[in-house]
C-alpha atoms as a PDB file:
ATOM      1  CA  VAL A   1      -8.677   7.893  -7.247  1.00  0.00           C
ATOM      2  CA  ALA A   2      -5.972   5.344  -8.133  1.00  0.00           C
ATOM      3  CA  ASP A   3      -6.288   2.010  -6.369  1.00  0.00           C
ATOM      4  CA  LEU A   4      -2.834   0.378  -6.751  1.00  0.00           C
ATOM      5  CA  ALA A   5      -2.422  -3.407  -6.658  1.00  0.00           C
ATOM      6  CA  ALA A   6      -6.182  -3.535  -6.757  1.00  0.00           C
ATOM      7  CA  GLY A   7      -6.361  -7.352  -6.778  1.00  0.00           C
ATOM      8  CA  ILE A   8      -9.891  -8.525  -7.471  1.00  0.00           C
ATOM      9  CA  GLY A   9     -11.259  -4.968  -7.073  1.00  0.00           C
ATOM     10  CA  TRP A  10     -13.130  -5.050  -3.749  1.00  0.00           C
ATOM     11  CA  THR A  11     -11.476  -1.698  -2.624  1.00  0.00           C
ATOM     12  CA  SER A  12     -12.138  -0.138  -6.041  1.00  0.00           C
ATOM     13  CA  SER A  13     -15.724  -1.267  -5.834  1.00  0.00           C
ATOM     14  CA  LEU A  14     -16.253   0.217  -2.412  1.00  0.00           C
ATOM     15  CA  LEU A  15     -14.603   3.460  -3.370  1.00  0.00           C
ATOM     16  CA  SER A  16     -16.734   3.705  -6.498  1.00  0.00           C
ATOM     17  CA  ARG A  17     -19.823   3.797  -4.281  1.00  0.00           C
ATOM     18  CA  LEU A  18     -18.749   7.054  -2.580  1.00  0.00           C
ATOM     19  CA  ARG A  19     -20.606  10.124  -3.874  1.00  0.00           C
ATOM     20  CA  ASN A  20     -17.623  12.385  -3.896  1.00  0.00           C
ATOM     21  CA  VAL A  21     -15.501   9.926  -6.121  1.00  0.00           C
ATOM     22  CA  GLY A  22     -15.877  10.493  -9.814  1.00  0.00           C
ATOM     23  CA  GLU A  23     -13.607   7.750 -11.175  1.00  0.00           C
ATOM     24  CA  VAL A  24     -11.500   4.858  -9.724  1.00  0.00           C
ATOM     25  CA  TYR A  25      -8.552   3.545 -11.626  1.00  0.00           C
ATOM     26  CA  ALA A  26      -7.793   0.023 -10.565  1.00  0.00           C
ATOM     27  CA  VAL A  27      -4.192  -0.807 -11.263  1.00  0.00           C
ATOM     28  CA  GLU A  28      -3.319  -4.551 -11.173  1.00  0.00           C
ATOM     29  CA  LEU A  29      -0.529  -6.741 -12.507  1.00  0.00           C
ATOM     30  CA  SER A  30      -2.671  -9.831 -12.883  1.00  0.00           C
ATOM     31  CA  LYS A  31      -4.772  -9.957 -16.133  1.00  0.00           C
ATOM     32  CA  HIS A  32      -6.662 -12.865 -14.688  1.00  0.00           C
ATOM     33  CA  ARG A  33      -7.763 -10.774 -11.658  1.00  0.00           C
ATOM     34  CA  LEU A  34      -8.776  -7.757 -13.761  1.00  0.00           C
ATOM     35  CA  GLU A  35     -10.551  -9.646 -16.495  1.00  0.00           C
ATOM     36  CA  LEU A  36     -12.248 -12.577 -14.612  1.00  0.00           C
ATOM     37  CA  LEU A  37     -12.537 -11.704 -10.883  1.00  0.00           C
ATOM     38  CA  PHE A  38     -12.880  -7.885 -11.004  1.00  0.00           C
ATOM     39  CA  PRO A  39     -16.367  -7.887 -12.479  1.00  0.00           C
ATOM     40  CA  GLN A  40     -17.559 -10.411  -9.842  1.00  0.00           C
ATOM     41  CA  ALA A  41     -16.225  -8.227  -7.031  1.00  0.00           C
ATOM     42  CA  VAL A  42     -17.932  -5.144  -8.578  1.00  0.00           C
ATOM     43  CA  ARG A  43     -21.264  -7.117  -8.475  1.00  0.00           C
ATOM     44  CA  MET A  44     -20.569  -8.533  -4.978  1.00  0.00           C
ATOM     45  CA  PHE A  45     -19.797  -5.143  -3.451  1.00  0.00           C
ATOM     46  CA  HIS A  46     -22.331  -3.246  -5.418  1.00  0.00           C
ATOM     47  CA  GLY A  47     -19.736  -1.036  -7.118  1.00  0.00           C
ATOM     48  CA  GLU A  48     -20.704   1.482  -9.732  1.00  0.00           C
ATOM     49  CA  PRO A  49     -19.254   0.084 -13.021  1.00  0.00           C
ATOM     50  CA  ALA A  50     -19.407   3.406 -14.832  1.00  0.00           C
ATOM     51  CA  LYS A  51     -16.931   4.899 -12.399  1.00  0.00           C
ATOM     52  CA  LEU A  52     -14.424   2.035 -12.621  1.00  0.00           C
ATOM     53  CA  LYS A  53     -11.492   1.882 -14.994  1.00  0.00           C
ATOM     54  CA  ARG A  54      -9.256  -1.241 -15.070  1.00  0.00           C
ATOM     55  CA  ASN A  55      -5.619  -0.626 -15.807  1.00  0.00           C
ATOM     56  CA  LEU A  56      -3.287  -3.715 -16.377  1.00  0.00           C
ATOM     57  CA  GLY A  57       0.180  -2.791 -15.155  1.00  0.00           C
ATOM     58  CA  SER A  58       2.714  -2.387 -12.378  1.00  0.00           C
ATOM     59  CA  PHE A  59       2.581   0.070  -9.610  1.00  0.00           C
ATOM     60  CA  TYR A  60       6.074   0.947 -10.315  1.00  0.00           C
ATOM     61  CA  ASP A  61       5.240   2.341 -13.785  1.00  0.00           C
ATOM     62  CA  LEU A  62       1.784   3.999 -13.533  1.00  0.00           C
ATOM     63  CA  ALA A  63       0.243   4.896 -16.914  1.00  0.00           C
ATOM     64  CA  PHE A  64      -1.048   8.238 -15.530  1.00  0.00           C
ATOM     65  CA  SER A  65      -0.021  11.863 -16.214  1.00  0.00           C
ATOM     66  CA  GLY A  66       1.891  13.640 -13.548  1.00  0.00           C
ATOM     67  CA  ALA A  67      -0.189  15.210 -10.859  1.00  0.00           C
ATOM     68  CA  SER A  68      -3.365  13.584 -12.137  1.00  0.00           C
ATOM     69  CA  MET A  69      -4.753  11.858  -9.075  1.00  0.00           C
ATOM     70  CA  ASP A  70      -6.513  13.414  -5.998  1.00  0.00           C
ATOM     71  CA  VAL A  71      -6.158  10.196  -4.007  1.00  0.00           C
ATOM     72  CA  VAL A  72      -4.005   7.120  -4.192  1.00  0.00           C
ATOM     73  CA  VAL A  73      -5.014   4.034  -2.178  1.00  0.00           C
ATOM     74  CA  ILE A  74      -2.885   1.032  -1.491  1.00  0.00           C
ATOM     75  CA  SER A  75      -4.584  -1.797   0.465  1.00  0.00           C
ATOM     76  CA  SER A  76      -2.455  -4.621   1.818  1.00  0.00           C
ATOM     77  CA  ALA A  77       0.119  -4.104  -0.998  1.00  0.00           C
ATOM     78  CA  PHE A  78       2.822  -1.684  -0.083  1.00  0.00           C
ATOM     79  CA  HIS A  79       4.765  -4.372   1.890  1.00  0.00           C
ATOM     80  CA  HIS A  80       4.965  -6.280  -1.446  1.00  0.00           C
ATOM     81  CA  ALA A  81       7.158  -3.598  -2.909  1.00  0.00           C
ATOM     82  CA  ALA A  82      10.777  -4.813  -3.140  1.00  0.00           C
ATOM     83  CA  SER A  83      11.634  -1.119  -3.865  1.00  0.00           C
ATOM     84  CA  ALA A  84       9.554   0.984  -1.491  1.00  0.00           C
ATOM     85  CA  LEU A  85      11.272   4.248  -2.408  1.00  0.00           C
ATOM     86  CA  ARG A  86      10.745   3.684  -6.172  1.00  0.00           C
ATOM     87  CA  LEU A  87       7.031   2.985  -5.484  1.00  0.00           C
ATOM     88  CA  MET A  88       6.733   6.043  -3.368  1.00  0.00           C
ATOM     89  CA  THR A  89       8.463   8.206  -6.063  1.00  0.00           C
ATOM     90  CA  GLU A  90       6.000   6.933  -8.600  1.00  0.00           C
ATOM     91  CA  ILE A  91       3.001   7.593  -6.316  1.00  0.00           C
ATOM     92  CA  ASP A  92       4.425  11.188  -5.797  1.00  0.00           C
ATOM     93  CA  ARG A  93       4.640  11.678  -9.426  1.00  0.00           C
ATOM     94  CA  VAL A  94       0.911  11.043 -10.094  1.00  0.00           C
ATOM     95  CA  LEU A  95      -0.581  12.515  -6.899  1.00  0.00           C
ATOM     96  CA  LYS A  96      -1.647  16.181  -7.147  1.00  0.00           C
ATOM     97  CA  PRO A  97      -0.236  18.666  -4.685  1.00  0.00           C
ATOM     98  CA  GLY A  98      -2.433  18.543  -1.596  1.00  0.00           C
ATOM     99  CA  GLY A  99      -3.572  15.021  -2.553  1.00  0.00           C
ATOM    100  CA  THR A 100      -4.050  12.105  -0.168  1.00  0.00           C
ATOM    101  CA  LEU A 101      -2.129   8.845   0.041  1.00  0.00           C
ATOM    102  CA  ILE A 102      -3.885   6.050   2.002  1.00  0.00           C
ATOM    103  CA  LEU A 103      -1.793   3.071   2.977  1.00  0.00           C
ATOM    104  CA  ILE A 104      -3.930   0.387   4.769  1.00  0.00           C
ATOM    105  CA  GLY A 105      -3.370  -3.267   5.734  1.00  0.00           C
ATOM    106  CA  GLU A 106       0.350  -2.983   6.248  1.00  0.00           C
ATOM    107  CA  ASN A 107       2.196  -5.501   8.386  1.00  0.00           C
ATOM    108  CA  PHE A 108       2.852  -3.918  11.717  1.00  0.00           C
ATOM    109  CA  VAL A 109       6.316  -4.627  13.158  1.00  0.00           C
ATOM    110  CA  GLY A 110       6.530  -3.062  16.579  1.00  0.00           C
ATOM    111  CA  ALA A 111       8.689  -3.479  19.669  1.00  0.00           C
ATOM    112  CA  THR A 112       6.795  -6.727  20.718  1.00  0.00           C
ATOM    113  CA  GLN A 113       7.467  -8.316  17.362  1.00  0.00           C
ATOM    114  CA  ILE A 114      11.170  -7.273  17.227  1.00  0.00           C
ATOM    115  CA  VAL A 115      11.907  -8.490  20.740  1.00  0.00           C
ATOM    116  CA  GLY A 116      10.084 -11.790  19.930  1.00  0.00           C
ATOM    117  CA  ARG A 117      12.337 -12.353  16.996  1.00  0.00           C
ATOM    118  CA  MET A 118      15.461 -11.470  18.931  1.00  0.00           C
ATOM    119  CA  ILE A 119      14.460 -13.996  21.641  1.00  0.00           C
ATOM    120  CA  LYS A 120      13.625 -16.733  19.173  1.00  0.00           C
ATOM    121  CA  ARG A 121      16.927 -16.204  17.404  1.00  0.00           C
ATOM    122  CA  LEU A 122      18.803 -16.287  20.745  1.00  0.00           C
ATOM    123  CA  VAL A 123      17.039 -19.508  21.724  1.00  0.00           C
ATOM    124  CA  MET A 124      17.153 -21.251  18.336  1.00  0.00           C
ATOM    125  CA  GLU A 125      20.485 -20.214  16.920  1.00  0.00           C
ATOM    126  CA  ARG A 126      22.170 -19.078  20.186  1.00  0.00           C
ATOM    127  CA  THR A 127      23.054 -15.621  18.511  1.00  0.00           C
ATOM    128  CA  LEU A 128      22.111 -12.192  19.504  1.00  0.00           C
ATOM    129  CA  CYS A 129      20.967 -10.082  16.729  1.00  0.00           C
ATOM    130  CA  SER A 130      19.445  -6.570  16.847  1.00  0.00           C
ATOM    131  CA  ASN A 131      19.655  -5.710  13.157  1.00  0.00           C
ATOM    132  CA  PHE A 132      16.027  -5.278  11.996  1.00  0.00           C
ATOM    133  CA  TYR A 133      16.744  -6.396   8.422  1.00  0.00           C
ATOM    134  CA  GLU A 134      18.376  -9.600   9.621  1.00  0.00           C
ATOM    135  CA  LEU A 135      15.529 -10.335  11.958  1.00  0.00           C
ATOM    136  CA  PHE A 136      12.947  -9.504   9.216  1.00  0.00           C
ATOM    137  CA  PRO A 137      14.428 -10.558   5.893  1.00  0.00           C
ATOM    138  CA  PRO A 138      12.033 -10.436   2.812  1.00  0.00           C
ATOM    139  CA  ASP A 139       9.857 -13.471   2.580  1.00  0.00           C
ATOM    140  CA  ASP A 140      10.327 -14.916  -0.912  1.00  0.00           C
ATOM    141  CA  ALA A 141       7.357 -17.209  -0.673  1.00  0.00           C
ATOM    142  CA  SER A 142       4.853 -14.537   0.159  1.00  0.00           C
ATOM    143  CA  GLY A 143       6.621 -11.600  -1.372  1.00  0.00           C
ATOM    144  CA  ASP A 144       6.417  -9.645   1.905  1.00  0.00           C
ATOM    145  CA  HIS A 145       8.944  -6.974   2.857  1.00  0.00           C
ATOM    146  CA  TYR A 146       9.012  -5.713   6.352  1.00  0.00           C
ATOM    147  CA  TYR A 147       9.019  -2.098   7.294  1.00  0.00           C
ATOM    148  CA  ARG A 148       8.948  -0.446  10.627  1.00  0.00           C
ATOM    149  CA  VAL A 149       6.668   2.438  11.375  1.00  0.00           C
ATOM    150  CA  SER A 150       9.695   4.691  11.325  1.00  0.00           C
ATOM    151  CA  ASP A 151      10.436   3.488   7.721  1.00  0.00           C
ATOM    152  CA  TYR A 152       7.057   4.384   6.495  1.00  0.00           C
ATOM    153  CA  TYR A 153       7.393   7.786   8.071  1.00  0.00           C
ATOM    154  CA  LEU A 154      10.873   8.180   6.512  1.00  0.00           C
ATOM    155  CA  PHE A 155       9.548   7.264   3.029  1.00  0.00           C
ATOM    156  CA  LEU A 156       6.665   9.791   3.337  1.00  0.00           C
ATOM    157  CA  GLN A 157       8.707  12.631   4.896  1.00  0.00           C
ATOM    158  CA  MET A 158      11.585  12.294   2.297  1.00  0.00           C
ATOM    159  CA  LEU A 159       9.049  13.205  -0.376  1.00  0.00           C
ATOM    160  CA  GLY A 160       7.409  15.893   1.603  1.00  0.00           C
ATOM    161  CA  TYR A 161       4.323  14.212   2.930  1.00  0.00           C
ATOM    162  CA  LYS A 162       2.602  14.907   6.160  1.00  0.00           C
ATOM    163  CA  VAL A 163       1.205  11.978   8.087  1.00  0.00           C
ATOM    164  CA  VAL A 164      -2.241  13.077   9.309  1.00  0.00           C
ATOM    165  CA  LYS A 165      -3.371   9.760  10.744  1.00  0.00           C
ATOM    166  CA  PHE A 166      -1.759   6.513  11.821  1.00  0.00           C
ATOM    167  CA  GLY A 167      -3.233   3.476  13.497  1.00  0.00           C
ATOM    168  CA  VAL A 168      -2.642  -0.152  14.157  1.00  0.00           C
ATOM    169  CA  GLN A 169      -5.472  -2.783  14.438  1.00  0.00           C
ATOM    170  CA  LYS A 170      -4.948  -5.517  16.987  1.00  0.00           C
ATOM    171  CA  GLN A 171      -1.012  -5.150  16.831  1.00  0.00           C
ATOM    172  CA  GLN A 172      -1.064  -6.643  13.398  1.00  0.00           C
ATOM    173  CA  LEU A 173      -2.107  -4.254  10.696  1.00  0.00           C
ATOM    174  CA  ALA A 174      -1.026  -0.581  10.263  1.00  0.00           C
ATOM    175  CA  ALA A 175      -2.742   2.293   8.287  1.00  0.00           C
ATOM    176  CA  PHE A 176      -1.328   5.612   7.274  1.00  0.00           C
ATOM    177  CA  ILE A 177      -3.070   8.672   5.807  1.00  0.00           C
ATOM    178  CA  ALA A 178      -0.689  11.204   4.410  1.00  0.00           C
ATOM    179  CA  GLU A 179      -1.152  14.526   2.591  1.00  0.00           C
ATOM    180  CA  LYS A 180       1.114  15.655  -0.176  1.00  0.00           C
ATOM    181  CA  THR A 181       2.402  19.065   0.539  1.00  0.00           C
ATOM    182  CA  SER A 182       2.119  21.598  -2.258  1.00  0.00           C
ATOM    183  CA  LYS A 183       5.037  21.667  -4.717  1.00  0.00           C
END
């Protein structure tokens, strides 16, 4: 399993506890998180250290061989990708045919949020705007990028993935489970 943008390692730790998981490769850009915080998260979440491999690096340039991962997990991080298609292409490179991609904790932008932004803009700026990317520009402070559910489906379908499960929690966070079709 590759856990991309692993942060302090809580997801990696939980995954390492699963019996059917042999190894978890935690990929993280922050050396501080990997070296200082990761070991603490492993202890806190009762992870299995022998199964955990820490990898310092970017999720845009994974240091794994092609078709080497059975599962790729991204928890609350895909929306930080300034280049979503570049990230998806790199995930596709390392995921085995028939492998599973799990995207969880993604910002959900549905009709309610879109209409809310349209009304706010109409009231505050007295302009009518229906362009999604003008209503939801990237947030430089948080690094967030906003994608519609249809955008996620498009990214996945362009690379030949089948979405097997989609869900939204409390109209805020979306999750996708997709399978890579055999190539």
